[in-house]
Amino acid sequence: MTGIRLQAPAPGWAIDADVVVVGSGVAGLTAALRCTAAGLRTVVVTKARLDDGSTRWAQGGIAAALGEGDTPEQHLDDTLVAGAGLCDEEAVRTLVTEGPDAVRRLIATGARFDTDEAGTIELTREGGHHRRRIAHAGGDATGAEISRALVDAVCERAVRFIENALVLDLLTDAGGRAAGVTLHVMGEGQHDGVGAVHAPAVVLATGGMGQVFSATTNPAVSTGDGVALALRAGAEVSDLEFVQFHPTVLFLGPDAEGQQPLVSEAVRGEGAHLVDADGVRFMVGQHELAELAPRDIVAKGIMRRMREQGARHMYLDARHFGAAMWESRFPTILAACRAHGIDPVTDPIPVAPAAHYASGGVRTDLHGRTTVPGLYACGEVACTGVHGANRLASNSLLEGLVFAERIADDIAASPARSGDPVPHPAPRVLPLLDPGARSRIQHVMTHGAGVLRSATSLAEAAEALDAVHAEALHDGPDGHKAAEPGVESWETTNLLCVARVLVAAARRREETRGCHWREDRPDRDDNAWRRHLVVRLAPDRTLDVRATDTQDFPPTDADAPREP
């Protein structure tokens, strides 16, 4: 345990539970529902409203071998290819074999997917898939439908939840086992301000960290809180250098910041073409699947063409769909484009890559167990080994389902007991950043550790982040003082934490692999770098980065027998 904690007031209230789930996306709510069904007292803590996470923004769908002629083995092959040699095959096999039944259970929970006249689920294709295996809902509103169904189920089953609550730090007992979390609730009544949920099982399902970049498809709540909490608690994180940039995000101008409208990969799956300003399909000849190549390849293809032509964006041309198809199959995207003055029925859509998904995260085994006893992780915050160096399109919702179910089953099979939470004998309070540093961090990360990286750009990013870090630890020459505790300062401090880890790993990985693109190291090097980079936060706040062979993933110490 590091003993590092965010600067925050002592908890003024506490509630008890068997399990506390942090996050309310597909992973968090699935884990909560399954734990509740097993008779465990479960509390869901969510940063905003129950349906405000990343899940409801998912457009394309959920991948599973549900179609005639498709098999889990074929799904496995596509996932391994997309992962560029770093997937854990056992984890992928778990995903693809348990996935179809997990989707059927989701349907039984109340999720309604699009079907044909015979009632068969309609399936589409996305990048990296050789078969139609993407189930969708509402045309391009799959995440919203899944979120609706799970939120309804949580309310029907009277699962206890606390909204508008930012998780702060992990509580542990005298033996170092998870014993709950501290959190700050922005509300009124009994649970207001800083409090605690005491529980012997803590499930992190906090989503991603897309807000570490200036332009992202992630909602405002995606500030890396779960990864930062896990690092302060002494857990390992892995593969954080592999941030997937979605190739086709609506281009709103060079100065656009924050969450940007996504143009789903399913649009290309239905036959849209990527073209430059002259109408040339530049992905043809770069990959056998052209526009449907894995996302890292398409993002690189777009960036290369932009660089060659000095352009700020490329175009996605789906005018041949016609108005009827746009309105029925992609109503959400159509509305978003029109809201910004672009009509895809008559105009090509300007697109450029933007930060989308973190393939790495808190390192877990096949049951979602981290290297801290009693602490679990699932969904985008976790690194299960499924995604490797690049996530296959629409595997994320499926991963959330499958591994959340496995976590709940593991907790229910051996209900844990922890002692009372105890303060660390020598806690190191982490000074907080002024919220104004947030845009500075985002600018540094976008220009130094974005789609295109190099030794020079990463070194400059590391130096700039170190300067921000130093300002929080000490009074700066400009009279800078550490910020007061509050949601914005906690979020900004978390963003700096994950940014430093990402840059450290990206500097260490001297090759190009998956969605990690080093301009100065353009080739993939399986001899030296078919390895994972695992990071711990040392008690002195320095980063301990080590390389681990693929056969050593997932962590063996998480698989050790646990005390009853």
Protein backbone atom coordinates (compact mmCIF):
# COMPACT_ATOMS: atom_id res chain seq x y z
CA MET A 1 0.00 0.00 0.00
CA THR A 2 1.31 3.45 -0.86
CA GLY A 3 -0.48 5.36 1.88
CA ILE A 4 -1.13 8.18 -0.60
CA ARG A 5 -4.49 9.92 -0.28
CA LEU A 6 -6.15 12.90 -1.88
CA GLN A 7 -6.37 15.94 0.32
CA ALA A 8 -9.96 15.82 1.62
CA PRO A 9 -11.95 16.32 4.80
CA ALA A 10 -12.48 13.31 7.05
CA PRO A 11 -15.70 11.37 6.31
CA GLY A 12 -18.65 12.86 8.12
CA TRP A 13 -20.97 9.90 7.60
CA ALA A 14 -20.76 6.22 6.70
CA ILE A 15 -22.99 3.38 5.50
CA ASP A 16 -22.32 -0.36 5.49
CA ALA A 17 -22.65 -2.84 2.62
CA ASP A 18 -21.32 -6.17 1.39
CA VAL A 19 -20.30 -4.71 -1.97
CA VAL A 20 -19.79 -1.17 -3.20
CA VAL A 21 -19.81 -0.69 -6.98
CA VAL A 22 -18.29 2.56 -8.23
CA GLY A 23 -19.81 3.45 -11.61
CA SER A 24 -23.14 3.01 -13.34
CA GLY A 25 -22.36 1.98 -16.89
CA VAL A 26 -22.92 -1.47 -18.36
CA ALA A 27 -20.17 -2.99 -16.18
CA GLY A 28 -21.15 -1.37 -12.89
CA LEU A 29 -24.89 -1.96 -13.14
CA THR A 30 -24.44 -5.55 -14.36
CA ALA A 31 -22.19 -6.29 -11.38
CA ALA A 32 -24.63 -4.60 -9.00
CA LEU A 33 -27.66 -6.47 -10.31
CA ARG A 34 -25.90 -9.84 -10.12
CA CYS A 35 -24.54 -9.17 -6.63
CA THR A 36 -28.01 -8.12 -5.47
CA ALA A 37 -29.53 -11.26 -6.98
CA ALA A 38 -27.02 -13.28 -4.93
CA GLY A 39 -28.36 -11.70 -1.74
CA LEU A 40 -25.46 -9.30 -1.18
CA ARG A 41 -26.13 -5.83 0.20
CA THR A 42 -24.96 -3.73 -2.71
CA VAL A 43 -24.49 0.02 -3.01
CA VAL A 44 -23.86 1.74 -6.35
CA VAL A 45 -21.90 4.99 -6.23
CA THR A 46 -22.05 7.07 -9.41
CA LYS A 47 -20.43 10.37 -10.27
CA ALA A 48 -23.46 12.01 -11.87
CA ARG A 49 -26.86 10.48 -12.61
CA LEU A 50 -27.27 6.74 -13.04
CA ASP A 51 -27.36 7.02 -16.83
CA ASP A 52 -24.70 9.70 -17.33
CA GLY A 53 -21.66 7.50 -17.99
CA SER A 54 -19.99 6.45 -21.23
CA THR A 55 -22.33 3.51 -21.91
CA ARG A 56 -25.23 5.61 -23.10
CA TRP A 57 -23.00 7.29 -25.70
CA ALA A 58 -22.12 3.99 -27.40
CA GLN A 59 -23.57 4.11 -30.90
CA GLY A 60 -22.37 1.11 -32.87
CA GLY A 61 -23.43 -1.82 -30.73
CA ILE A 62 -22.23 -4.91 -28.92
CA ALA A 63 -20.19 -7.64 -30.60
CA ALA A 64 -20.99 -11.33 -30.07
CA ALA A 65 -21.14 -14.48 -32.20
CA LEU A 66 -24.93 -14.52 -32.50
CA GLY A 67 -25.35 -14.82 -36.26
CA GLU A 68 -25.72 -17.91 -38.43
CA GLY A 69 -22.31 -19.25 -39.43
CA ASP A 70 -20.43 -17.12 -36.92
CA THR A 71 -18.50 -18.74 -34.07
CA PRO A 72 -16.68 -17.63 -30.93
CA GLU A 73 -13.47 -18.88 -32.56
CA GLN A 74 -13.88 -16.46 -35.46
CA HIS A 75 -14.62 -13.64 -33.01
CA LEU A 76 -11.48 -14.63 -31.09
CA ASP A 77 -9.36 -14.53 -34.26
CA ASP A 78 -10.54 -11.01 -35.16
CA THR A 79 -9.91 -9.80 -31.61
CA LEU A 80 -6.38 -11.21 -31.52
CA VAL A 81 -5.50 -9.61 -34.85
CA ALA A 82 -6.78 -6.21 -33.72
CA GLY A 83 -4.85 -6.51 -30.44
CA ALA A 84 -1.53 -6.58 -32.31
CA GLY A 85 0.09 -9.40 -30.38
CA LEU A 86 -0.65 -8.24 -26.83
CA CYS A 87 -4.05 -9.80 -26.11
CA ASP A 88 -4.22 -12.42 -23.39
CA GLU A 89 -5.73 -15.31 -25.36
CA GLU A 90 -7.38 -16.90 -22.35
CA ALA A 91 -9.11 -13.63 -21.52
CA VAL A 92 -10.28 -13.23 -25.12
CA ARG A 93 -11.55 -16.81 -25.20
CA THR A 94 -13.48 -16.13 -22.01
CA LEU A 95 -15.01 -13.02 -23.61
CA VAL A 96 -16.10 -14.62 -26.88
CA THR A 97 -17.38 -17.91 -25.42
CA GLU A 98 -19.34 -16.38 -22.54
CA GLY A 99 -20.39 -13.33 -24.56
CA PRO A 100 -23.40 -14.67 -26.50
CA ASP A 101 -25.17 -15.91 -23.37
CA ALA A 102 -24.33 -12.68 -21.56
CA VAL A 103 -26.06 -10.75 -24.35
CA ARG A 104 -29.08 -13.03 -24.09
CA ARG A 105 -29.24 -12.35 -20.34
CA LEU A 106 -29.07 -8.63 -21.11
CA ILE A 107 -32.06 -9.07 -23.42
CA ALA A 108 -33.87 -10.95 -20.65
CA THR A 109 -33.15 -7.98 -18.38
CA GLY A 110 -35.10 -5.79 -20.79
CA ALA A 111 -32.73 -4.51 -23.48
CA ARG A 112 -34.43 -4.33 -26.88
CA PHE A 113 -32.16 -4.77 -29.90
CA ASP A 114 -33.18 -4.06 -33.48
CA THR A 115 -34.72 -7.09 -35.20
CA ASP A 116 -36.00 -7.96 -38.64
CA GLU A 117 -39.60 -8.84 -39.48
CA ALA A 118 -39.04 -12.41 -38.30
CA GLY A 119 -37.81 -11.21 -34.91
CA THR A 120 -34.15 -12.12 -35.53
CA ILE A 121 -31.56 -9.70 -34.19
CA GLU A 122 -30.15 -7.57 -36.98
CA LEU A 123 -26.35 -7.63 -37.13
CA THR A 124 -23.91 -5.25 -38.78
CA ARG A 125 -20.14 -5.06 -39.32
CA GLU A 126 -17.52 -2.73 -37.96
CA GLY A 127 -13.79 -2.33 -38.38
CA GLY A 128 -11.71 -5.48 -37.88
CA HIS A 129 -14.69 -7.86 -37.98
CA HIS A 130 -14.88 -10.34 -40.84
CA ARG A 131 -18.53 -11.12 -40.11
CA ARG A 132 -21.69 -9.26 -39.24
CA ARG A 133 -21.78 -9.71 -35.46
CA ILE A 134 -22.66 -6.27 -34.06
CA ALA A 135 -26.11 -6.11 -32.44
CA HIS A 136 -27.54 -2.61 -32.28
CA ALA A 137 -30.57 -0.82 -30.86
CA GLY A 138 -32.47 2.23 -32.03
CA GLY A 139 -30.34 2.23 -35.16
CA ASP A 140 -27.36 3.98 -33.59
CA ALA A 141 -28.48 4.34 -29.97
CA THR A 142 -27.34 0.99 -28.56
CA GLY A 143 -25.69 2.37 -25.45
CA ALA A 144 -28.72 4.47 -24.56
CA GLU A 145 -30.98 1.42 -24.78
CA ILE A 146 -28.66 -0.78 -22.71
CA SER A 147 -28.36 1.96 -20.10
CA ARG A 148 -32.14 2.38 -20.00
CA ALA A 149 -32.71 -1.34 -19.49
CA LEU A 150 -30.12 -1.65 -16.72
CA VAL A 151 -31.21 1.51 -14.90
CA ASP A 152 -34.82 0.30 -15.01
CA ALA A 153 -33.74 -3.06 -13.60
CA VAL A 154 -31.74 -1.42 -10.80
CA CYS A 155 -34.75 0.67 -9.83
CA GLU A 156 -37.14 -2.28 -10.03
CA ARG A 157 -34.92 -4.42 -7.81
CA ALA A 158 -34.45 -1.55 -5.32
CA VAL A 159 -30.66 -1.59 -5.55
CA ARG A 160 -29.34 1.17 -3.31
CA PHE A 161 -27.49 3.90 -5.17
CA ILE A 162 -25.87 7.26 -4.43
CA GLU A 163 -25.80 9.75 -7.30
CA ASN A 164 -23.63 12.84 -7.78
CA ALA A 165 -20.87 11.15 -5.80
CA LEU A 166 -17.19 11.38 -6.71
CA VAL A 167 -15.15 8.50 -5.30
CA LEU A 168 -11.97 9.68 -3.58
CA ASP A 169 -9.86 6.88 -2.11
CA LEU A 170 -9.88 3.22 -1.12
CA LEU A 171 -10.30 2.31 2.52
CA THR A 172 -8.34 -0.67 3.81
CA ASP A 173 -8.25 -2.72 6.96
CA ALA A 174 -5.21 -3.48 9.11
CA GLY A 175 -4.22 -6.32 6.77
CA GLY A 176 -4.29 -4.15 3.66
CA ARG A 177 -7.55 -5.56 2.32
CA ALA A 178 -10.15 -3.31 0.71
CA ALA A 179 -12.72 -2.13 3.25
CA GLY A 180 -14.70 0.42 1.28
CA VAL A 181 -14.26 3.86 -0.26
CA THR A 182 -14.42 7.49 0.68
CA LEU A 183 -16.53 9.72 -1.53
CA HIS A 184 -17.86 13.23 -1.88
CA VAL A 185 -21.58 13.66 -2.50
CA MET A 186 -22.85 16.81 -4.14
CA GLY A 187 -26.37 16.98 -2.79
CA GLU A 188 -28.52 17.63 0.19
CA GLY A 189 -29.72 15.56 3.08
CA GLN A 190 -28.18 12.71 5.03
CA HIS A 191 -25.44 11.88 2.52
CA ASP A 192 -23.80 15.18 1.71
CA GLY A 193 -20.14 16.17 1.61
CA VAL A 194 -17.36 13.65 2.27
CA GLY A 195 -18.50 10.28 3.60
CA ALA A 196 -17.69 6.59 3.31
CA VAL A 197 -19.17 3.29 2.22
CA HIS A 198 -17.73 0.42 4.26
CA ALA A 199 -17.64 -2.87 2.33
CA PRO A 200 -15.23 -5.82 2.04
CA ALA A 201 -15.62 -5.91 -1.75
CA VAL A 202 -15.05 -2.82 -3.91
CA VAL A 203 -15.78 -2.94 -7.65
CA LEU A 204 -14.32 -0.17 -9.79
CA ALA A 205 -16.39 0.44 -12.92
CA THR A 206 -15.59 4.12 -13.35
CA GLY A 207 -15.05 4.16 -17.11
CA GLY A 208 -12.27 5.84 -19.02
CA MET A 209 -10.00 8.86 -18.98
CA GLY A 210 -10.70 10.53 -22.31
CA GLN A 211 -10.84 13.97 -20.72
CA VAL A 212 -7.05 13.87 -20.40
CA PHE A 213 -7.03 15.03 -24.06
CA SER A 214 -8.49 18.23 -25.48
CA ALA A 215 -10.85 16.49 -27.93
CA THR A 216 -12.54 13.22 -27.00
CA THR A 217 -15.73 11.25 -27.50
CA ASN A 218 -15.90 10.68 -23.73
CA PRO A 219 -18.37 12.52 -21.49
CA ALA A 220 -17.17 15.12 -18.99
CA VAL A 221 -17.17 12.56 -16.14
CA SER A 222 -14.36 10.48 -17.74
CA THR A 223 -11.44 11.89 -15.77
CA GLY A 224 -9.57 8.70 -14.87
CA ASP A 225 -10.81 8.63 -11.26
CA GLY A 226 -10.76 4.83 -10.94
CA VAL A 227 -7.25 4.36 -12.30
CA ALA A 228 -5.94 7.17 -10.09
CA LEU A 229 -7.64 5.70 -7.00
CA ALA A 230 -6.19 2.26 -7.75
CA LEU A 231 -2.69 3.66 -8.17
CA ARG A 232 -2.87 5.52 -4.85
CA ALA A 233 -4.10 2.28 -3.24
CA GLY A 234 -1.03 0.42 -4.50
CA ALA A 235 -2.66 -1.51 -7.37
CA GLU A 236 -0.93 -2.15 -10.67
CA VAL A 237 -2.05 -0.62 -13.95
CA SER A 238 -1.03 -1.87 -17.37
CA ASP A 239 -1.02 -0.89 -21.05
CA LEU A 240 -2.01 2.73 -20.40
CA GLU A 241 -0.04 3.87 -23.45
CA PHE A 242 -2.63 2.23 -25.70
CA VAL A 243 -5.28 4.91 -26.06
CA GLN A 244 -7.55 4.31 -29.01
CA PHE A 245 -8.36 7.35 -31.11
CA HIS A 246 -11.64 6.86 -32.92
CA PRO A 247 -10.98 7.53 -36.60
CA THR A 248 -14.26 9.26 -37.43
CA VAL A 249 -15.25 12.00 -35.02
CA LEU A 250 -17.18 14.98 -36.35
CA PHE A 251 -14.65 17.75 -36.95
CA LEU A 252 -15.88 20.95 -35.30
CA GLY A 253 -12.82 23.09 -35.89
CA PRO A 254 -9.18 23.17 -34.75
CA ASP A 255 -10.02 24.80 -31.41
CA ALA A 256 -12.87 22.49 -30.40
CA GLU A 257 -12.45 21.02 -26.90
CA GLY A 258 -14.28 18.55 -24.70
CA GLN A 259 -16.70 15.87 -25.85
CA GLN A 260 -17.06 15.68 -29.64
CA PRO A 261 -19.84 13.94 -31.64
CA LEU A 262 -18.92 10.42 -32.69
CA VAL A 263 -19.69 9.12 -36.17
CA SER A 264 -20.05 5.40 -35.50
CA GLU A 265 -17.92 2.80 -37.20
CA ALA A 266 -21.20 1.18 -38.17
CA VAL A 267 -21.63 3.92 -40.79
CA ARG A 268 -18.57 2.51 -42.54
CA GLY A 269 -19.86 -0.97 -41.81
CA GLU A 270 -22.92 -0.15 -43.90
CA GLY A 271 -20.82 1.08 -46.81
CA ALA A 272 -19.67 4.66 -46.21
CA HIS A 273 -16.30 5.62 -47.71
CA LEU A 274 -13.43 7.68 -46.35
CA VAL A 275 -12.28 10.24 -48.91
CA ASP A 276 -10.04 13.28 -49.09
CA ALA A 277 -11.08 16.71 -50.39
CA ASP A 278 -10.69 15.43 -53.97
CA GLY A 279 -12.99 12.47 -53.34
CA VAL A 280 -10.18 9.87 -53.40
CA ARG A 281 -10.71 6.74 -51.24
CA PHE A 282 -7.28 6.75 -49.61
CA MET A 283 -7.79 3.62 -47.44
CA VAL A 284 -8.11 1.37 -50.49
CA GLY A 285 -4.84 -0.53 -50.87
CA GLN A 286 -3.68 0.19 -47.31
CA HIS A 287 -5.50 -2.82 -45.82
CA GLU A 288 -7.59 -5.71 -47.13
CA LEU A 289 -10.63 -4.30 -45.33
CA ALA A 290 -10.01 -0.70 -46.52
CA GLU A 291 -12.28 1.56 -44.39
CA LEU A 292 -13.15 -1.42 -42.19
CA ALA A 293 -9.59 -2.09 -41.07
CA PRO A 294 -8.98 -2.05 -37.29
CA ARG A 295 -9.29 1.41 -35.78
CA ASP A 296 -5.60 2.05 -35.25
CA ILE A 297 -4.92 1.43 -38.93
CA VAL A 298 -7.77 3.69 -40.08
CA ALA A 299 -6.76 6.47 -37.64
CA LYS A 300 -3.18 6.30 -38.89
CA GLY A 301 -4.39 6.31 -42.51
CA ILE A 302 -6.42 9.47 -41.87
CA MET A 303 -3.55 11.20 -40.06
CA ARG A 304 -1.09 10.32 -42.82
CA ARG A 305 -3.39 11.76 -45.50
CA MET A 306 -4.00 14.88 -43.43
CA ARG A 307 -0.26 15.35 -43.01
CA GLU A 308 0.46 14.74 -46.70
CA GLN A 309 -2.13 17.27 -47.78
CA GLY A 310 -1.79 19.78 -44.95
CA ALA A 311 -5.47 19.20 -44.17
CA ARG A 312 -7.21 19.44 -40.80
CA HIS A 313 -9.69 16.67 -41.54
CA MET A 314 -10.85 14.08 -44.06
CA TYR A 315 -14.40 13.22 -45.13
CA LEU A 316 -16.80 10.33 -44.61
CA ASP A 317 -19.05 10.02 -47.65
CA ALA A 318 -22.38 8.25 -47.16
CA ARG A 319 -24.55 10.30 -49.47
CA HIS A 320 -25.47 7.14 -51.36
CA PHE A 321 -27.37 5.90 -48.26
CA GLY A 322 -30.24 8.25 -49.05
CA ALA A 323 -32.48 10.05 -46.57
CA ALA A 324 -34.58 7.00 -45.61
CA MET A 325 -31.57 4.93 -44.50
CA TRP A 326 -30.02 7.82 -42.60
CA GLU A 327 -33.27 8.48 -40.76
CA SER A 328 -33.95 4.84 -39.86
CA ARG A 329 -30.46 3.42 -39.28
CA PHE A 330 -28.50 6.42 -37.96
CA PRO A 331 -30.96 8.94 -36.54
CA THR A 332 -28.68 10.03 -33.67
CA ILE A 333 -25.71 10.75 -35.94
CA LEU A 334 -27.95 12.45 -38.48
CA ALA A 335 -29.33 14.78 -35.82
CA ALA A 336 -25.87 15.56 -34.43
CA CYS A 337 -24.50 16.41 -37.86
CA ARG A 338 -27.46 18.61 -38.75
CA ALA A 339 -27.16 20.39 -35.41
CA HIS A 340 -23.69 21.47 -36.56
CA GLY A 341 -24.80 22.53 -40.03
CA ILE A 342 -23.89 19.36 -41.94
CA ASP A 343 -26.45 17.19 -43.73
CA PRO A 344 -24.99 13.71 -44.42
CA VAL A 345 -27.75 13.06 -46.96
CA THR A 346 -26.28 15.70 -49.25
CA ASP A 347 -22.81 16.44 -47.85
CA PRO A 348 -19.70 14.42 -46.96
CA ILE A 349 -19.04 14.56 -43.21
CA PRO A 350 -15.78 16.21 -42.07
CA VAL A 351 -14.04 13.81 -39.67
CA ALA A 352 -10.79 13.53 -37.73
CA PRO A 353 -9.52 11.17 -35.00
CA ALA A 354 -10.20 11.99 -31.33
CA ALA A 355 -9.42 10.19 -28.06
CA HIS A 356 -11.97 7.44 -27.58
CA TYR A 357 -11.06 4.40 -25.48
CA ALA A 358 -8.35 3.32 -23.03
CA SER A 359 -7.32 -0.24 -23.86
CA GLY A 360 -5.28 -0.37 -20.66
CA GLY A 361 -6.25 0.23 -17.06
CA VAL A 362 -6.18 -1.41 -13.64
CA ARG A 363 -4.60 -4.83 -14.06
CA THR A 364 -6.91 -7.76 -13.25
CA ASP A 365 -7.16 -11.51 -13.55
CA LEU A 366 -10.00 -13.38 -15.24
CA HIS A 367 -12.27 -12.79 -12.24
CA GLY A 368 -11.69 -9.04 -12.19
CA ARG A 369 -9.43 -9.21 -9.12
CA THR A 370 -6.72 -6.58 -8.90
CA THR A 371 -3.42 -6.82 -7.03
CA VAL A 372 -5.09 -5.32 -3.93
CA PRO A 373 -7.19 -7.94 -2.09
CA GLY A 374 -10.88 -7.17 -2.20
CA LEU A 375 -10.53 -4.58 -4.98
CA TYR A 376 -12.04 -5.52 -8.36
CA ALA A 377 -12.21 -3.67 -11.67
CA CYS A 378 -14.28 -4.12 -14.83
CA GLY A 379 -15.19 -2.19 -17.95
CA GLU A 380 -12.96 0.50 -19.42
CA VAL A 381 -11.19 1.19 -16.11
CA ALA A 382 -9.82 -2.38 -16.14
CA CYS A 383 -7.09 -4.09 -18.12
CA THR A 384 -8.24 -7.69 -18.43
CA GLY A 385 -5.89 -8.48 -21.32
CA VAL A 386 -8.78 -8.66 -23.79
CA HIS A 387 -7.90 -5.60 -25.88
CA GLY A 388 -4.13 -5.85 -26.14
CA ALA A 389 -2.68 -2.91 -28.05
CA ASN A 390 -5.94 -1.96 -29.76
CA ARG A 391 -9.58 -2.70 -28.92
CA LEU A 392 -11.66 -4.44 -31.57
CA ALA A 393 -14.76 -2.39 -32.34
CA SER A 394 -17.80 -3.04 -30.09
CA ASN A 395 -15.95 -5.44 -27.77
CA SER A 396 -16.15 -2.93 -24.92
CA LEU A 397 -19.82 -3.35 -23.99
CA LEU A 398 -19.37 -7.11 -24.17
CA GLU A 399 -16.30 -6.98 -21.92
CA GLY A 400 -18.28 -4.96 -19.39
CA LEU A 401 -21.04 -7.56 -19.36
CA VAL A 402 -18.89 -10.69 -19.21
CA PHE A 403 -16.35 -9.60 -16.61
CA ALA A 404 -18.91 -7.86 -14.40
CA GLU A 405 -20.80 -11.15 -14.21
CA ARG A 406 -17.57 -12.99 -13.37
CA ILE A 407 -16.76 -10.49 -10.61
CA ALA A 408 -20.21 -10.85 -9.05
CA ASP A 409 -19.96 -14.64 -9.17
CA ASP A 410 -16.52 -14.52 -7.53
CA ILE A 411 -17.73 -12.27 -4.72
CA ALA A 412 -20.85 -14.38 -4.14
CA ALA A 413 -18.91 -17.65 -4.15
CA SER A 414 -16.63 -16.55 -1.31
CA PRO A 415 -18.22 -13.67 0.59
CA ALA A 416 -15.34 -11.70 1.99
CA ARG A 417 -14.87 -10.26 5.44
CA SER A 418 -12.67 -7.30 6.19
CA GLY A 419 -11.78 -5.62 9.40
CA ASP A 420 -12.71 -2.09 10.24
CA PRO A 421 -11.15 0.54 7.97
CA VAL A 422 -8.04 1.95 9.55
CA PRO A 423 -6.03 5.04 8.67
CA HIS A 424 -2.66 4.44 7.09
CA PRO A 425 0.03 4.69 9.79
CA ALA A 426 1.82 7.41 7.83
CA PRO A 427 -0.59 8.81 5.25
CA ARG A 428 0.87 10.95 2.50
CA VAL A 429 -1.66 13.59 1.57
CA LEU A 430 -1.53 14.47 -2.11
CA PRO A 431 -1.79 18.23 -2.63
CA LEU A 432 -4.44 19.22 -5.13
CA LEU A 433 -4.12 20.99 -8.45
CA ASP A 434 -5.92 24.18 -9.24
CA PRO A 435 -8.77 23.37 -11.67
CA GLY A 436 -7.21 25.82 -14.12
CA ALA A 437 -4.44 23.27 -14.76
CA ARG A 438 -6.93 20.96 -16.48
CA SER A 439 -6.79 22.67 -19.88
CA ARG A 440 -3.00 22.87 -19.60
CA ILE A 441 -2.77 19.10 -19.02
CA GLN A 442 -5.12 18.45 -21.96
CA HIS A 443 -3.09 20.68 -24.27
CA VAL A 444 0.17 18.96 -23.26
CA MET A 445 -1.29 15.49 -23.81
CA THR A 446 -2.93 16.31 -27.14
CA HIS A 447 0.23 17.75 -28.65
CA GLY A 448 2.77 15.46 -27.01
CA ALA A 449 1.04 12.10 -26.54
CA GLY A 450 -1.85 12.12 -29.02
CA VAL A 451 -2.20 10.07 -32.20
CA LEU A 452 1.34 10.92 -33.32
CA ARG A 453 4.13 10.49 -30.76
CA SER A 454 7.90 10.69 -30.77
CA ALA A 455 10.74 10.64 -28.26
CA THR A 456 10.90 14.42 -28.49
CA SER A 457 7.18 15.07 -28.10
CA LEU A 458 6.90 12.64 -25.19
CA ALA A 459 9.94 14.10 -23.42
CA GLU A 460 8.45 17.57 -23.74
CA ALA A 461 5.12 16.28 -22.42
CA ALA A 462 6.81 14.59 -19.47
CA GLU A 463 8.70 17.78 -18.61
CA ALA A 464 5.55 19.88 -18.77
CA LEU A 465 3.57 17.42 -16.61
CA ASP A 466 6.40 17.25 -14.09
CA ALA A 467 6.26 21.02 -13.82
CA VAL A 468 2.53 20.89 -13.09
CA HIS A 469 3.16 18.13 -10.55
CA ALA A 470 5.90 20.15 -8.85
CA GLU A 471 3.63 23.16 -8.55
CA ALA A 472 1.17 21.08 -6.55
CA LEU A 473 3.86 19.70 -4.25
CA HIS A 474 5.60 22.98 -3.53
CA ASP A 475 4.90 26.67 -3.68
CA GLY A 476 5.95 27.73 -7.14
CA PRO A 477 8.05 30.80 -8.04
CA ASP A 478 4.84 32.53 -9.05
CA GLY A 479 3.41 32.11 -5.58
CA HIS A 480 1.30 29.13 -6.63
CA LYS A 481 -0.51 27.40 -3.78
CA ALA A 482 -2.14 23.97 -3.71
CA ALA A 483 -5.85 24.16 -4.43
CA GLU A 484 -8.58 23.70 -1.89
CA PRO A 485 -10.46 20.34 -1.84
CA GLY A 486 -13.36 20.22 -4.26
CA VAL A 487 -14.69 18.22 -7.19
CA GLU A 488 -12.81 20.15 -9.87
CA SER A 489 -9.48 20.07 -8.03
CA TRP A 490 -9.86 16.33 -7.29
CA GLU A 491 -10.67 15.62 -10.96
CA THR A 492 -7.75 17.70 -12.20
CA THR A 493 -5.38 15.93 -9.80
CA ASN A 494 -6.63 12.56 -11.07
CA LEU A 495 -6.11 13.65 -14.68
CA LEU A 496 -2.50 14.59 -13.94
CA CYS A 497 -1.93 11.20 -12.32
CA VAL A 498 -3.12 9.19 -15.32
CA ALA A 499 -1.42 11.56 -17.77
CA ARG A 500 1.96 11.00 -16.10
CA VAL A 501 1.53 7.23 -16.22
CA LEU A 502 0.46 7.28 -19.87
CA VAL A 503 3.43 9.38 -20.92
CA ALA A 504 5.89 7.30 -18.89
CA ALA A 505 4.68 4.11 -20.56
CA ALA A 506 4.62 5.68 -24.03
CA ARG A 507 8.23 6.85 -23.60
CA ARG A 508 9.30 3.40 -22.49
CA ARG A 509 7.65 1.57 -25.43
CA GLU A 510 10.09 2.30 -28.24
CA GLU A 511 8.09 0.85 -31.12
CA THR A 512 4.84 1.34 -33.00
CA ARG A 513 2.15 -1.18 -32.06
CA GLY A 514 -1.63 -0.99 -32.24
CA CYS A 515 -2.84 2.47 -31.27
CA HIS A 516 0.60 3.50 -29.94
CA TRP A 517 2.25 5.24 -32.90
CA ARG A 518 5.86 6.40 -32.50
CA GLU A 519 7.00 8.42 -35.51
CA ASP A 520 10.63 7.88 -34.51
CA ARG A 521 10.07 4.13 -34.06
CA PRO A 522 7.70 3.30 -36.95
CA ASP A 523 8.08 -0.49 -36.84
CA ARG A 524 6.59 -3.13 -34.55
CA ASP A 525 9.27 -5.00 -32.62
CA ASP A 526 8.08 -8.38 -31.35
CA ASN A 527 11.55 -9.37 -30.17
CA ALA A 528 11.87 -6.56 -27.65
CA TRP A 529 8.35 -5.26 -27.13
CA ARG A 530 5.83 -8.07 -27.20
CA ARG A 531 5.49 -7.26 -23.53
CA HIS A 532 3.20 -5.34 -21.20
CA LEU A 533 4.27 -2.27 -19.29
CA VAL A 534 3.06 -2.46 -15.70
CA VAL A 535 3.10 0.63 -13.49
CA ARG A 536 2.86 1.16 -9.75
CA LEU A 537 2.84 4.43 -7.84
CA ALA A 538 5.64 4.35 -5.27
CA PRO A 539 5.14 5.80 -1.76
CA ASP A 540 7.36 8.76 -2.74
CA ARG A 541 4.94 9.46 -5.64
CA THR A 542 7.42 8.34 -8.31
CA LEU A 543 6.34 5.85 -10.97
CA ASP A 544 7.69 2.31 -11.00
CA VAL A 545 7.47 1.05 -14.61
CA ARG A 546 8.42 -2.51 -15.48
CA ALA A 547 8.03 -4.72 -18.55
CA THR A 548 6.21 -8.04 -18.18
CA ASP A 549 6.11 -10.88 -20.70
CA THR A 550 2.72 -11.75 -22.19
CA GLN A 551 2.70 -15.17 -20.50
CA ASP A 552 2.83 -13.39 -17.13
CA PHE A 553 -0.46 -11.64 -17.79
CA PRO A 554 -2.82 -11.52 -15.90
CA PRO A 555 -1.18 -11.01 -12.48
CA THR A 556 -0.48 -14.23 -10.63
CA ASP A 557 -0.67 -12.70 -7.15
CA ALA A 558 -4.32 -11.81 -7.76
CA ASP A 559 -5.00 -15.50 -8.27
CA ALA A 560 -3.60 -16.48 -4.89
CA PRO A 561 -6.02 -18.12 -2.44
CA ARG A 562 -7.89 -15.55 -0.38
CA GLU A 563 -8.80 -15.68 3.26
CA PRO A 564 -12.44 -16.66 3.80
